[in-house]
Amino acid sequence: MAVFIDSSGRLHHDQDSGLALVCPHCQVLAHITPVSVPDFNTLQQHKPGQVGLVYRCEACNAPIFLRFAVKLYAGSRVELAPNFVELERPRERFNFTYLPEDAELLLKEALACFSAACYNGFASMCRRVAQCVFADLGEDGKLQLYDELANIRRLAELDEESFTIIKKVLFESDTAGRPGLPVIESYQAGVLLEVIKDLLYQAYVRRGRLQQAMMVRRYFADETTSKVTPLPGVRS
């Protein structure tokens, strides 16, 4: 796949018509078009190893910044690597409504780390989220979440290495002067993300939604009962 900037400053991309990604602003998978390309003469003069391009999201018109590595400086073109780095990534979503305030704050920072590809920082924040949740739910709640982790392992068919890493991150305690967190990569961070979202859903969101639904049912049941006209001779 050829990607290059010609001497007139025009970007050529073999798959330009089909280039799409999830916009970090509107969260929609949309086609993107280039709107700002580095000046060819400036590139030839300074020969940077990487260049930045600005695209436009065709769903919301927001700017999207991509970084390409330079493969070759030729007389009439600057050839770029086909792969690019998204400088802004879509933020992960979660229903924070039912979470305790402290857990919500920590989880938002954890998700920000994940979106920035700071995966080991994400793991550290996940441990803080877990510690906050365990303090809120107590020892019984911690044991229940550990059982949930075992269920996730079975349902998602987690491999032994991923399960061990997640267990260490979320359930092992910090030791004096050494947090003891394993070093993780992008795939393991993605698995950790899905696990902690599922655990928090089970601990707070599912319970909160059920309790809210039961309150609504009780309210309408009471309203219906109060509006029923009693039969003649029957006391209300």
Protein backbone atom coordinates (compact mmCIF):
# COMPACT_ATOMS: atom_id res chain seq x y z
CA MET A 1 0.00 0.00 0.00
CA ALA A 2 1.63 3.26 -1.18
CA VAL A 3 1.34 6.44 0.88
CA PHE A 4 3.35 9.46 -0.20
CA ILE A 5 3.41 13.23 -0.51
CA ASP A 6 4.33 14.50 -3.98
CA SER A 7 6.32 17.62 -4.86
CA SER A 8 3.13 19.69 -5.12
CA GLY A 9 2.23 18.86 -1.52
CA ARG A 10 -0.57 16.45 -2.40
CA LEU A 11 -1.11 13.31 -0.35
CA HIS A 12 -1.55 10.04 -2.25
CA HIS A 13 -3.02 7.03 -0.47
CA ASP A 14 -4.01 3.81 -2.26
CA GLN A 15 -6.92 3.25 0.14
CA ASP A 16 -7.95 6.87 0.61
CA SER A 17 -11.55 6.24 -0.45
CA GLY A 18 -11.91 3.50 2.14
CA LEU A 19 -9.91 5.01 4.98
CA ALA A 20 -12.12 5.02 8.07
CA LEU A 21 -11.74 4.85 11.84
CA VAL A 22 -13.72 5.45 15.00
CA CYS A 23 -13.73 9.20 15.56
CA PRO A 24 -12.46 10.15 19.05
CA HIS A 25 -14.98 13.02 19.14
CA CYS A 26 -18.30 11.59 17.90
CA GLN A 27 -17.46 7.90 18.53
CA VAL A 28 -18.72 6.98 15.02
CA LEU A 29 -16.90 4.73 12.56
CA ALA A 30 -16.56 7.24 9.73
CA HIS A 31 -14.57 7.96 6.61
CA ILE A 32 -11.81 10.55 7.03
CA THR A 33 -10.32 12.91 4.46
CA PRO A 34 -6.99 14.80 4.64
CA VAL A 35 -7.26 18.56 5.15
CA SER A 36 -3.71 19.52 6.17
CA VAL A 37 -0.53 17.98 4.73
CA PRO A 38 3.06 19.04 5.61
CA ASP A 39 4.83 21.25 3.09
CA PHE A 40 6.95 19.15 0.72
CA ASN A 41 9.88 21.59 0.60
CA THR A 42 9.98 21.87 4.39
CA LEU A 43 10.03 18.10 4.71
CA GLN A 44 12.88 17.81 2.19
CA GLN A 45 14.84 20.48 4.02
CA HIS A 46 14.55 19.06 7.56
CA LYS A 47 13.85 15.37 6.79
CA PRO A 48 12.01 14.47 10.01
CA GLY A 49 11.59 10.80 10.81
CA GLN A 50 7.85 11.23 11.42
CA VAL A 51 5.22 13.59 10.05
CA GLY A 52 1.77 14.61 11.25
CA LEU A 53 -1.34 14.92 9.09
CA VAL A 54 -4.73 16.37 9.92
CA TYR A 55 -7.85 14.62 8.66
CA ARG A 56 -11.52 15.59 8.85
CA CYS A 57 -14.17 13.26 10.23
CA GLU A 58 -16.99 13.15 7.69
CA ALA A 59 -19.50 12.38 10.43
CA CYS A 60 -18.88 15.38 12.70
CA ASN A 61 -16.26 17.50 10.83
CA ALA A 62 -13.88 17.36 13.81
CA PRO A 63 -10.10 17.28 13.16
CA ILE A 64 -8.32 13.96 13.58
CA PHE A 65 -4.54 13.93 14.01
CA LEU A 66 -2.50 11.03 12.64
CA ARG A 67 1.25 10.45 12.75
CA PHE A 68 3.12 8.57 10.02
CA ALA A 69 6.72 7.34 9.97
CA VAL A 70 8.74 8.40 6.91
CA LYS A 71 10.10 5.51 4.85
CA LEU A 72 11.95 7.36 2.11
CA TYR A 73 12.93 10.83 0.93
CA ALA A 74 13.11 10.83 -2.88
CA GLY A 75 13.56 13.66 -5.34
CA SER A 76 9.87 14.06 -6.12
CA ARG A 77 8.16 12.37 -3.21
CA VAL A 78 8.22 11.69 0.52
CA GLU A 79 7.11 8.12 1.07
CA LEU A 80 5.29 7.31 4.32
CA ALA A 81 4.74 4.05 6.13
CA PRO A 82 1.23 2.63 5.60
CA ASN A 83 0.59 2.30 9.33
CA PHE A 84 -0.19 5.36 11.42
CA VAL A 85 -0.60 6.34 15.06
CA GLU A 86 -3.82 7.96 16.25
CA LEU A 87 -2.83 10.84 18.51
CA GLU A 88 -6.35 10.93 19.93
CA ARG A 89 -8.16 7.69 20.56
CA PRO A 90 -11.84 7.17 21.34
CA ARG A 91 -12.52 7.12 25.08
CA GLU A 92 -13.96 3.95 26.52
CA ARG A 93 -17.53 4.31 27.76
CA PHE A 94 -19.01 3.16 31.03
CA ASN A 95 -22.17 3.89 33.01
CA PHE A 96 -20.80 5.76 36.02
CA THR A 97 -24.25 6.51 37.49
CA TYR A 98 -24.22 3.82 40.15
CA LEU A 99 -20.54 3.91 41.14
CA PRO A 100 -19.34 5.49 44.40
CA GLU A 101 -17.83 8.91 43.81
CA ASP A 102 -14.24 7.86 44.58
CA ALA A 103 -14.44 4.79 42.35
CA GLU A 104 -15.90 6.89 39.53
CA LEU A 105 -13.03 9.39 39.72
CA LEU A 106 -10.37 6.66 39.68
CA LEU A 107 -12.04 4.73 36.87
CA LYS A 108 -12.24 7.84 34.68
CA GLU A 109 -8.51 8.36 35.13
CA ALA A 110 -7.88 4.69 34.38
CA LEU A 111 -9.85 4.94 31.13
CA ALA A 112 -7.91 8.08 30.21
CA CYS A 113 -4.66 6.12 30.64
CA PHE A 114 -5.99 3.34 28.42
CA SER A 115 -7.06 5.78 25.69
CA ALA A 116 -3.58 7.31 25.77
CA ALA A 117 -2.02 3.83 25.38
CA CYS A 118 -0.38 4.17 28.81
CA TYR A 119 -1.13 0.55 29.59
CA ASN A 120 0.97 0.10 32.73
CA GLY A 121 -0.40 3.35 34.12
CA PHE A 122 -3.83 1.92 33.32
CA ALA A 123 -3.01 -1.22 35.29
CA SER A 124 -1.90 0.87 38.28
CA MET A 125 -5.14 2.84 38.20
CA CYS A 126 -7.15 -0.38 37.91
CA ARG A 127 -5.53 -1.58 41.13
CA ARG A 128 -6.56 1.66 42.83
CA VAL A 129 -10.10 1.23 41.52
CA ALA A 130 -10.19 -2.32 42.87
CA GLN A 131 -8.88 -1.24 46.28
CA CYS A 132 -11.52 1.50 46.44
CA VAL A 133 -14.28 -0.97 45.52
CA PHE A 134 -13.10 -3.58 48.05
CA ALA A 135 -13.08 -0.94 50.79
CA ASP A 136 -16.66 -0.03 49.86
CA LEU A 137 -18.02 -3.58 49.55
CA GLY A 138 -16.08 -5.20 52.38
CA GLU A 139 -14.41 -8.59 52.50
CA ASP A 140 -17.56 -10.47 51.45
CA GLY A 141 -17.91 -8.24 48.41
CA LYS A 142 -14.27 -8.83 47.50
CA LEU A 143 -14.77 -12.60 47.67
CA GLN A 144 -17.88 -12.32 45.49
CA LEU A 145 -15.94 -10.36 42.88
CA TYR A 146 -13.18 -12.97 42.95
CA ASP A 147 -15.83 -15.59 42.18
CA GLU A 148 -17.04 -13.35 39.35
CA LEU A 149 -13.49 -13.25 37.99
CA ALA A 150 -13.49 -17.06 37.94
CA ASN A 151 -16.78 -16.97 36.00
CA ILE A 152 -15.31 -14.50 33.52
CA ARG A 153 -12.31 -16.79 33.07
CA ARG A 154 -14.64 -19.66 32.22
CA LEU A 155 -17.04 -17.71 29.99
CA ALA A 156 -14.36 -15.79 28.07
CA GLU A 157 -11.97 -18.77 28.04
CA LEU A 158 -9.10 -16.65 29.33
CA ASP A 159 -5.66 -18.13 28.94
CA GLU A 160 -3.65 -18.86 32.08
CA GLU A 161 -1.20 -15.98 31.57
CA SER A 162 -3.92 -13.34 31.14
CA PHE A 163 -5.88 -14.65 34.12
CA THR A 164 -2.78 -14.62 36.33
CA ILE A 165 -1.91 -11.05 35.34
CA ILE A 166 -5.45 -9.78 35.97
CA LYS A 167 -5.61 -11.55 39.32
CA LYS A 168 -2.32 -9.95 40.36
CA VAL A 169 -3.38 -6.48 39.24
CA LEU A 170 -6.80 -6.49 40.89
CA PHE A 171 -6.57 -8.78 43.90
CA GLU A 172 -3.00 -8.81 45.18
CA SER A 173 -2.14 -6.27 47.86
CA ASP A 174 0.63 -3.72 47.60
CA THR A 175 3.78 -4.55 49.53
CA ALA A 176 5.90 -2.00 51.35
CA GLY A 177 7.79 0.05 48.78
CA ARG A 178 6.94 -2.33 45.94
CA PRO A 179 3.53 -2.34 44.23
CA GLY A 180 4.33 -5.69 42.60
CA LEU A 181 2.40 -4.97 39.42
CA PRO A 182 3.28 -7.02 36.34
CA VAL A 183 4.26 -5.23 33.14
CA ILE A 184 1.45 -5.51 30.60
CA GLU A 185 1.05 -4.98 26.86
CA SER A 186 -1.84 -3.74 24.74
CA TYR A 187 -3.72 -7.06 24.49
CA GLN A 188 -3.46 -7.75 28.20
CA ALA A 189 -4.58 -4.19 28.92
CA GLY A 190 -7.60 -4.74 26.68
CA VAL A 191 -8.50 -7.93 28.55
CA LEU A 192 -8.05 -6.13 31.89
CA LEU A 193 -10.33 -3.35 30.67
CA GLU A 194 -13.14 -5.73 29.80
CA VAL A 195 -12.74 -7.61 33.08
CA ILE A 196 -12.87 -4.54 35.33
CA LYS A 197 -15.85 -3.15 33.41
CA ASP A 198 -17.69 -6.44 33.88
CA LEU A 199 -16.81 -6.64 37.58
CA LEU A 200 -18.01 -3.08 38.20
CA TYR A 201 -21.17 -3.78 36.25
CA GLN A 202 -21.91 -6.79 38.44
CA ALA A 203 -21.03 -4.96 41.67
CA TYR A 204 -22.87 -1.69 41.07
CA VAL A 205 -24.60 -1.12 37.75
CA ARG A 206 -26.67 -4.31 37.62
CA ARG A 207 -27.72 -3.92 41.26
CA GLY A 208 -28.53 -0.24 40.80
CA ARG A 209 -30.62 -0.84 37.70
CA LEU A 210 -32.55 -3.66 39.35
CA GLN A 211 -33.24 -1.59 42.45
CA GLN A 212 -34.38 1.34 40.34
CA ALA A 213 -36.64 -0.88 38.24
CA MET A 214 -38.23 -2.39 41.37
CA MET A 215 -38.87 1.08 42.79
CA VAL A 216 -40.64 2.07 39.56
CA ARG A 217 -42.72 -1.10 39.61
CA ARG A 218 -43.68 -0.50 43.23
CA TYR A 219 -44.63 3.11 42.50
CA PHE A 220 -46.94 2.19 39.62
CA ALA A 221 -48.41 -0.71 41.58
CA ASP A 222 -49.26 1.65 44.47
CA GLU A 223 -50.69 4.23 42.05
CA THR A 224 -52.89 1.61 40.40
CA THR A 225 -54.13 0.27 43.74
CA SER A 226 -55.02 3.76 45.01
CA LYS A 227 -57.06 4.51 41.89
CA VAL A 228 -59.13 1.30 41.93
CA THR A 229 -62.81 2.05 42.66
CA PRO A 230 -64.06 -0.37 45.33
CA LEU A 231 -67.24 -2.37 44.64
CA PRO A 232 -70.44 -1.33 46.41
CA GLY A 233 -70.49 -2.63 49.97
CA VAL A 234 -66.73 -3.31 49.94
CA ARG A 235 -64.55 -1.16 52.13
CA SER A 236 -61.43 0.26 50.52
